[in-house]
């Protein structure tokens, strides 16, 4: 690994750590020694790609690994499609780039999703797939609004419980 570049082994280590795999499982899956995985994780921490929360648990520095585009998508479904909200939510729960899905009340929108992309091209590609999936199933949208974050100032998951 170079200082600011990830090779394929680094990427696979990060992906599998984020999926909750152990270091031993990762070593076996990608065909390297446990020591190699441990050394790579240490280097990934040192260079800011991974942030260690506690022993055996890491989070990715999304800005550093190149997943810099965050979007908030609000969707208002037509009256017939509203009855299929559970089916729609189940589909989007399976997509890796979808970080959060919220069913909303008190708004014209039925659903809000937080998604993370590499760049605008990935966003456009995935949006086309999204529209095709909806069209194939006869799901209709009244309004779709997308807000793209231009720069992240804080990327944090709450850790304190009141």
C-alpha atoms as a PDB file:
ATOM      1  CA  UNK A   1       0.000   0.000   0.000  1.00  0.00           C
ATOM      2  CA  UNK A   2       1.239   3.422  -0.906  1.00  0.00           C
ATOM      3  CA  UNK A   3       0.577   6.306   1.419  1.00  0.00           C
ATOM      4  CA  UNK A   4      -2.642   7.504  -0.263  1.00  0.00           C
ATOM      5  CA  UNK A   5      -3.600   4.647  -2.568  1.00  0.00           C
ATOM      6  CA  UNK A   6      -5.518   1.466  -1.898  1.00  0.00           C
ATOM      7  CA  UNK A   7      -4.697  -1.701  -3.787  1.00  0.00           C
ATOM      8  CA  UNK A   8      -7.184  -4.544  -4.280  1.00  0.00           C
ATOM      9  CA  UNK A   9      -6.080  -6.342  -1.106  1.00  0.00           C
ATOM     10  CA  UNK A  10      -6.589  -3.171   0.957  1.00  0.00           C
ATOM     11  CA  UNK A  11     -10.052  -2.679  -0.546  1.00  0.00           C
ATOM     12  CA  UNK A  12     -11.076  -6.263   0.199  1.00  0.00           C
ATOM     13  CA  UNK A  13      -9.785  -5.979   3.767  1.00  0.00           C
ATOM     14  CA  UNK A  14     -11.767  -2.770   4.358  1.00  0.00           C
ATOM     15  CA  UNK A  15     -14.940  -4.167   2.761  1.00  0.00           C
ATOM     16  CA  UNK A  16     -14.814  -7.323   4.862  1.00  0.00           C
ATOM     17  CA  UNK A  17     -14.008  -5.491   8.101  1.00  0.00           C
ATOM     18  CA  UNK A  18     -17.064  -3.312   7.488  1.00  0.00           C
ATOM     19  CA  UNK A  19     -19.119  -6.498   6.979  1.00  0.00           C
ATOM     20  CA  UNK A  20     -18.036  -7.696  10.420  1.00  0.00           C
ATOM     21  CA  UNK A  21     -15.606 -10.405   9.329  1.00  0.00           C
ATOM     22  CA  UNK A  22     -12.731 -11.328  11.619  1.00  0.00           C
ATOM     23  CA  UNK A  23      -9.136 -10.859  10.562  1.00  0.00           C
ATOM     24  CA  UNK A  24      -8.698 -14.638  10.317  1.00  0.00           C
ATOM     25  CA  UNK A  25     -11.786 -14.937   8.092  1.00  0.00           C
ATOM     26  CA  UNK A  26     -10.499 -12.143   5.862  1.00  0.00           C
ATOM     27  CA  UNK A  27      -7.072 -13.779   5.528  1.00  0.00           C
ATOM     28  CA  UNK A  28      -8.687 -17.047   4.455  1.00  0.00           C
ATOM     29  CA  UNK A  29     -11.141 -15.344   2.077  1.00  0.00           C
ATOM     30  CA  UNK A  30      -8.541 -13.322   0.204  1.00  0.00           C
ATOM     31  CA  UNK A  31      -5.732 -15.893   0.355  1.00  0.00           C
ATOM     32  CA  UNK A  32      -3.131 -14.117   2.485  1.00  0.00           C
ATOM     33  CA  UNK A  33      -1.685 -14.792   5.925  1.00  0.00           C
ATOM     34  CA  UNK A  34      -3.277 -13.479   9.105  1.00  0.00           C
ATOM     35  CA  UNK A  35      -0.089 -11.474   9.715  1.00  0.00           C
ATOM     36  CA  UNK A  36      -0.487  -9.781   6.310  1.00  0.00           C
ATOM     37  CA  UNK A  37      -4.051  -8.758   7.184  1.00  0.00           C
ATOM     38  CA  UNK A  38      -2.918  -7.434  10.584  1.00  0.00           C
ATOM     39  CA  UNK A  39      -0.068  -5.440   9.019  1.00  0.00           C
ATOM     40  CA  UNK A  40      -2.356  -4.035   6.338  1.00  0.00           C
ATOM     41  CA  UNK A  41      -4.975  -2.990   8.893  1.00  0.00           C
ATOM     42  CA  UNK A  42      -2.305  -1.205  10.930  1.00  0.00           C
ATOM     43  CA  UNK A  43      -1.091   0.614   7.792  1.00  0.00           C
ATOM     44  CA  UNK A  44      -4.692   1.500   6.842  1.00  0.00           C
ATOM     45  CA  UNK A  45      -5.160   2.995  10.323  1.00  0.00           C
ATOM     46  CA  UNK A  46      -1.852   4.867  10.160  1.00  0.00           C
ATOM     47  CA  UNK A  47      -2.790   6.427   6.820  1.00  0.00           C
ATOM     48  CA  UNK A  48      -6.324   7.366   7.931  1.00  0.00           C
ATOM     49  CA  UNK A  49      -8.351   4.937   5.800  1.00  0.00           C
ATOM     50  CA  UNK A  50      -9.677   3.088   8.874  1.00  0.00           C
ATOM     51  CA  UNK A  51     -10.605   4.416  12.295  1.00  0.00           C
ATOM     52  CA  UNK A  52     -10.370   1.952  15.158  1.00  0.00           C
ATOM     53  CA  UNK A  53     -13.342   2.150  17.515  1.00  0.00           C
ATOM     54  CA  UNK A  54     -12.157  -0.576  19.871  1.00  0.00           C
ATOM     55  CA  UNK A  55     -10.218  -3.807  19.608  1.00  0.00           C
ATOM     56  CA  UNK A  56     -11.507  -5.678  16.563  1.00  0.00           C
ATOM     57  CA  UNK A  57     -13.890  -2.933  15.353  1.00  0.00           C
ATOM     58  CA  UNK A  58     -13.216  -0.284  12.706  1.00  0.00           C
ATOM     59  CA  UNK A  59     -15.121   2.235  10.648  1.00  0.00           C
ATOM     60  CA  UNK A  60     -14.050   3.559   7.287  1.00  0.00           C
ATOM     61  CA  UNK A  61     -13.025   7.137   6.680  1.00  0.00           C
ATOM     62  CA  UNK A  62     -15.352   7.519   3.690  1.00  0.00           C
ATOM     63  CA  UNK A  63     -13.771  10.778   2.587  1.00  0.00           C
ATOM     64  CA  UNK A  64     -10.337   9.160   2.486  1.00  0.00           C
ATOM     65  CA  UNK A  65     -11.446   6.000   0.636  1.00  0.00           C
ATOM     66  CA  UNK A  66     -13.185   8.019  -2.064  1.00  0.00           C
ATOM     67  CA  UNK A  67     -16.860   7.655  -1.164  1.00  0.00           C
ATOM     68  CA  UNK A  68     -17.327  11.389  -0.867  1.00  0.00           C
ATOM     69  CA  UNK A  69     -20.771  11.973  -2.353  1.00  0.00           C
ATOM     70  CA  UNK A  70     -23.627  11.785   0.123  1.00  0.00           C
ATOM     71  CA  UNK A  71     -27.202  12.248  -1.036  1.00  0.00           C
ATOM     72  CA  UNK A  72     -30.561  12.595   0.668  1.00  0.00           C
ATOM     73  CA  UNK A  73     -33.386  11.284  -1.519  1.00  0.00           C
ATOM     74  CA  UNK A  74     -37.034  12.069  -0.750  1.00  0.00           C
ATOM     75  CA  UNK A  75     -39.762  10.115  -2.545  1.00  0.00           C
ATOM     76  CA  UNK A  76     -43.514  10.654  -2.767  1.00  0.00           C
ATOM     77  CA  UNK A  77     -45.219   7.603  -4.310  1.00  0.00           C
ATOM     78  CA  UNK A  78     -48.534   7.700  -6.134  1.00  0.00           C
ATOM     79  CA  UNK A  79     -51.591   6.488  -4.205  1.00  0.00           C
ATOM     80  CA  UNK A  80     -51.513   2.922  -5.600  1.00  0.00           C
ATOM     81  CA  UNK A  81     -47.762   2.515  -5.085  1.00  0.00           C
ATOM     82  CA  UNK A  82     -48.009   3.644  -1.444  1.00  0.00           C
ATOM     83  CA  UNK A  83     -49.520   0.234  -0.631  1.00  0.00           C
ATOM     84  CA  UNK A  84     -46.268  -1.410  -1.798  1.00  0.00           C
ATOM     85  CA  UNK A  85     -43.966   0.557   0.487  1.00  0.00           C
ATOM     86  CA  UNK A  86     -42.813  -2.567   2.382  1.00  0.00           C
ATOM     87  CA  UNK A  87     -41.743  -4.234  -0.905  1.00  0.00           C
ATOM     88  CA  UNK A  88     -39.876  -1.087  -1.964  1.00  0.00           C
ATOM     89  CA  UNK A  89     -38.118  -0.760   1.384  1.00  0.00           C
ATOM     90  CA  UNK A  90     -37.062  -4.434   1.362  1.00  0.00           C
ATOM     91  CA  UNK A  91     -35.497  -3.966  -2.068  1.00  0.00           C
ATOM     92  CA  UNK A  92     -33.511  -0.901  -1.048  1.00  0.00           C
ATOM     93  CA  UNK A  93     -32.345  -2.480   2.214  1.00  0.00           C
ATOM     94  CA  UNK A  94     -30.317  -4.915   0.072  1.00  0.00           C
ATOM     95  CA  UNK A  95     -28.343  -2.187  -1.722  1.00  0.00           C
ATOM     96  CA  UNK A  96     -24.927  -1.481  -0.235  1.00  0.00           C
ATOM     97  CA  UNK A  97     -24.786   2.210  -1.154  1.00  0.00           C
ATOM     98  CA  UNK A  98     -28.041   2.860   0.740  1.00  0.00           C
ATOM     99  CA  UNK A  99     -27.000   3.745   4.294  1.00  0.00           C
ATOM    100  CA  UNK A 100     -30.377   4.630   5.804  1.00  0.00           C
ATOM    101  CA  UNK A 101     -34.029   4.270   4.848  1.00  0.00           C
ATOM    102  CA  UNK A 102     -36.726   6.176   6.704  1.00  0.00           C
ATOM    103  CA  UNK A 103     -40.467   5.853   6.291  1.00  0.00           C
ATOM    104  CA  UNK A 104     -41.683   9.387   6.902  1.00  0.00           C
ATOM    105  CA  UNK A 105     -44.867  10.918   8.292  1.00  0.00           C
ATOM    106  CA  UNK A 106     -45.979  14.534   8.475  1.00  0.00           C
ATOM    107  CA  UNK A 107     -44.529  15.321   5.056  1.00  0.00           C
ATOM    108  CA  UNK A 108     -45.568  14.959   1.430  1.00  0.00           C
ATOM    109  CA  UNK A 109     -42.818  12.348   1.104  1.00  0.00           C
ATOM    110  CA  UNK A 110     -43.284   8.673   1.986  1.00  0.00           C
ATOM    111  CA  UNK A 111     -39.624   7.716   2.162  1.00  0.00           C
ATOM    112  CA  UNK A 112     -36.246   9.270   2.772  1.00  0.00           C
ATOM    113  CA  UNK A 113     -32.971   7.533   1.940  1.00  0.00           C
ATOM    114  CA  UNK A 114     -29.400   8.475   2.759  1.00  0.00           C
ATOM    115  CA  UNK A 115     -27.045   7.111   0.111  1.00  0.00           C
ATOM    116  CA  UNK A 116     -23.291   7.306  -0.391  1.00  0.00           C
ATOM    117  CA  UNK A 117     -21.635   7.305  -3.811  1.00  0.00           C
ATOM    118  CA  UNK A 118     -18.144   7.549  -5.202  1.00  0.00           C
ATOM    119  CA  UNK A 119     -19.046  10.291  -7.657  1.00  0.00           C
ATOM    120  CA  UNK A 120     -21.775  11.808  -9.822  1.00  0.00           C
ATOM    121  CA  UNK A 121     -21.374   9.087 -12.447  1.00  0.00           C
ATOM    122  CA  UNK A 122     -22.109   6.344  -9.910  1.00  0.00           C
ATOM    123  CA  UNK A 123     -25.109   8.367  -8.707  1.00  0.00           C
ATOM    124  CA  UNK A 124     -26.451   8.647 -12.266  1.00  0.00           C
ATOM    125  CA  UNK A 125     -25.897   4.935 -12.953  1.00  0.00           C
ATOM    126  CA  UNK A 126     -27.664   3.867  -9.770  1.00  0.00           C
ATOM    127  CA  UNK A 127     -30.512   6.348 -10.293  1.00  0.00           C
ATOM    128  CA  UNK A 128     -31.153   4.838 -13.747  1.00  0.00           C
ATOM    129  CA  UNK A 129     -31.257   1.335 -12.217  1.00  0.00           C
ATOM    130  CA  UNK A 130     -33.613   2.639  -9.526  1.00  0.00           C
ATOM    131  CA  UNK A 131     -36.000   4.107 -12.108  1.00  0.00           C
ATOM    132  CA  UNK A 132     -35.881   0.950 -14.239  1.00  0.00           C
ATOM    133  CA  UNK A 133     -36.633  -1.231 -11.197  1.00  0.00           C
ATOM    134  CA  UNK A 134     -39.647   0.948 -10.328  1.00  0.00           C
ATOM    135  CA  UNK A 135     -40.935   1.031 -13.907  1.00  0.00           C
ATOM    136  CA  UNK A 136     -40.678  -2.771 -14.316  1.00  0.00           C
ATOM    137  CA  UNK A 137     -42.826  -3.248 -11.231  1.00  0.00           C
ATOM    138  CA  UNK A 138     -45.377  -0.576 -12.082  1.00  0.00           C
ATOM    139  CA  UNK A 139     -44.382   1.574  -9.115  1.00  0.00           C
ATOM    140  CA  UNK A 140     -45.054   5.241  -9.783  1.00  0.00           C
ATOM    141  CA  UNK A 141     -43.541   8.293  -8.164  1.00  0.00           C
ATOM    142  CA  UNK A 142     -45.285  11.642  -7.811  1.00  0.00           C
ATOM    143  CA  UNK A 143     -42.218  13.553  -6.639  1.00  0.00           C
ATOM    144  CA  UNK A 144     -38.568  12.684  -6.217  1.00  0.00           C
ATOM    145  CA  UNK A 145     -36.178  15.169  -4.706  1.00  0.00           C
ATOM    146  CA  UNK A 146     -32.441  14.634  -4.295  1.00  0.00           C
ATOM    147  CA  UNK A 147     -30.049  16.766  -2.274  1.00  0.00           C
ATOM    148  CA  UNK A 148     -26.325  16.199  -2.759  1.00  0.00           C
ATOM    149  CA  UNK A 149     -23.818  17.126  -0.069  1.00  0.00           C
ATOM    150  CA  UNK A 150     -21.050  19.226  -1.542  1.00  0.00           C
ATOM    151  CA  UNK A 151     -18.680  18.829   1.394  1.00  0.00           C
ATOM    152  CA  UNK A 152     -18.776  16.886   4.648  1.00  0.00           C
ATOM    153  CA  UNK A 153     -17.882  18.792   7.790  1.00  0.00           C
ATOM    154  CA  UNK A 154     -18.749  16.066  10.312  1.00  0.00           C
ATOM    155  CA  UNK A 155     -19.242  12.354   9.701  1.00  0.00           C
ATOM    156  CA  UNK A 156     -20.292  10.766  12.967  1.00  0.00           C
ATOM    157  CA  UNK A 157     -22.590   8.130  14.405  1.00  0.00           C
ATOM    158  CA  UNK A 158     -24.057   8.998  17.790  1.00  0.00           C
ATOM    159  CA  UNK A 159     -22.353   7.227  20.675  1.00  0.00           C
ATOM    160  CA  UNK A 160     -24.015   8.693  23.803  1.00  0.00           C
ATOM    161  CA  UNK A 161     -27.258   7.334  25.194  1.00  0.00           C
ATOM    162  CA  UNK A 162     -29.380   9.741  27.284  1.00  0.00           C
END
